[in-house]
Every structure is written in structure tokens, then in C-alpha cells.
């Protein structure tokens, strides 16, 4: 179940929308865009009051295991590492 949710695309209209006009439909695209972000852009999505990446991965991709592992992660490098590890674990 988790493996399938790691590689699936989000339905149209439920992609993750960034504040630069780009969007991601899966973890690979999310990771690639996150990699380009500076800390200021990243903090618009993850800060002390919210974690938009957690919400999207949990609610749209339904990848509960990964979502649980990033729920309290605030640092960009740790978030990216957890997402990258999840993608490698699925052979993506």
C-alpha cells in the first residue's frame, strides 16, 4: 500500500502548488522543486505553525508512513533527506 502511494500522481486539482507558479503531482516533482528553494521560500510552507508538505503527503498522496516521519520536521535538509529516502526505498 505505501509503496503504491509513493509513486502515484496526485489527482488533477490536488497537485502541490508552490508560490512561484509551479506545481508537483508526485514526490519526485516535490523533491525537485524543494531542492531549488531558498530558506525563505521553504519557510512559507514549513514553519512553527504549519507543515504544508506533511499535509499534502498525508491527505492527498495518502502516504501515511512518510507523512508521519516528516510531521514535526522543520529543517529543509532533513525534510528532503526523508523524502529522498522514501523514494529510494520504492525504487523511484
Protein backbone atom coordinates (compact mmCIF):
# COMPACT_ATOMS: atom_id res chain seq x y z
CA UNK A 1 0.00 0.00 0.00
CA UNK A 2 2.66 2.54 0.97
CA UNK A 3 4.81 1.60 -1.99
CA UNK A 4 1.99 2.38 -4.42
CA UNK A 5 1.23 5.71 -2.77
CA UNK A 6 4.89 6.72 -3.10
CA UNK A 7 4.88 6.52 -6.87
CA UNK A 8 1.37 7.65 -7.69
CA UNK A 9 0.42 11.04 -9.03
CA UNK A 10 -1.98 13.29 -7.19
CA UNK A 11 -5.31 13.80 -8.95
CA UNK A 12 -5.66 16.88 -11.13
CA UNK A 13 -6.56 19.84 -8.97
CA UNK A 14 -4.83 18.33 -5.93
CA UNK A 15 -1.26 18.91 -7.02
CA UNK A 16 1.01 20.74 -4.61
CA UNK A 17 1.12 24.37 -5.70
CA UNK A 18 4.22 26.40 -4.95
CA UNK A 19 4.34 30.17 -4.54
CA UNK A 20 6.27 30.56 -7.81
CA UNK A 21 3.53 29.23 -10.08
CA UNK A 22 4.93 25.70 -10.33
CA UNK A 23 3.26 22.56 -9.04
CA UNK A 24 4.13 18.98 -8.15
CA UNK A 25 1.99 15.93 -8.83
CA UNK A 26 4.21 13.38 -7.06
CA UNK A 27 7.07 13.07 -4.59
CA UNK A 28 9.75 13.27 -7.25
CA UNK A 29 8.46 16.61 -8.51
CA UNK A 30 8.02 17.88 -4.95
CA UNK A 31 11.60 16.95 -4.13
CA UNK A 32 12.98 18.59 -7.28
CA UNK A 33 11.20 21.87 -6.59
CA UNK A 34 12.10 21.79 -2.90
CA UNK A 35 15.74 21.42 -3.89
CA UNK A 36 15.59 24.78 -5.72
CA UNK A 37 14.02 26.65 -2.77
CA UNK A 38 15.88 29.08 -0.60
CA UNK A 39 15.13 29.08 3.13
CA UNK A 40 12.70 31.97 2.86
CA UNK A 41 10.54 30.20 0.27
CA UNK A 42 10.72 26.95 2.23
CA UNK A 43 9.53 28.65 5.42
CA UNK A 44 6.36 29.76 3.62
CA UNK A 45 5.39 26.06 3.59
CA UNK A 46 7.02 24.75 6.77
CA UNK A 47 7.36 26.78 9.95
CA UNK A 48 6.41 26.65 13.62
CA UNK A 49 2.68 26.77 12.85
CA UNK A 50 2.31 24.59 9.76
CA UNK A 51 3.79 21.89 7.56
CA UNK A 52 2.17 22.01 4.12
CA UNK A 53 4.34 19.18 2.80
CA UNK A 54 3.15 16.89 5.59
CA UNK A 55 -0.47 17.81 4.88
CA UNK A 56 -0.18 17.13 1.15
CA UNK A 57 1.74 13.86 1.52
CA UNK A 58 -0.66 12.66 4.20
CA UNK A 59 -4.00 13.81 2.79
CA UNK A 60 -3.51 13.75 -0.99
CA UNK A 61 -0.88 11.08 -1.60
CA UNK A 62 -2.09 9.07 1.43
CA UNK A 63 1.47 8.07 2.25
CA UNK A 64 0.96 7.74 5.98
CA UNK A 65 4.38 6.31 6.85
CA UNK A 66 6.33 9.11 5.16
CA UNK A 67 3.89 11.73 6.42
CA UNK A 68 4.33 10.51 9.98
CA UNK A 69 8.12 10.69 9.64
CA UNK A 70 8.06 14.33 8.45
CA UNK A 71 5.20 15.68 10.56
CA UNK A 72 7.44 17.52 13.03
CA UNK A 73 10.40 18.14 10.73
CA UNK A 74 11.08 21.84 10.25
CA UNK A 75 14.53 21.84 8.62
CA UNK A 76 14.67 21.69 4.84
CA UNK A 77 17.69 19.37 4.71
CA UNK A 78 16.03 16.79 6.98
CA UNK A 79 12.74 17.01 5.09
CA UNK A 80 14.49 16.43 1.79
CA UNK A 81 16.50 13.54 3.19
CA UNK A 82 13.36 11.77 4.43
CA UNK A 83 11.57 12.27 1.11
CA UNK A 84 14.62 11.12 -0.84
CA UNK A 85 14.96 8.01 1.34
CA UNK A 86 11.29 7.19 0.84
CA UNK A 87 11.68 7.48 -2.94
CA UNK A 88 14.80 5.28 -2.93
CA UNK A 89 13.01 2.67 -0.82
CA UNK A 90 10.41 2.35 -3.56
CA UNK A 91 12.96 2.16 -6.35
CA UNK A 92 11.95 5.57 -7.73
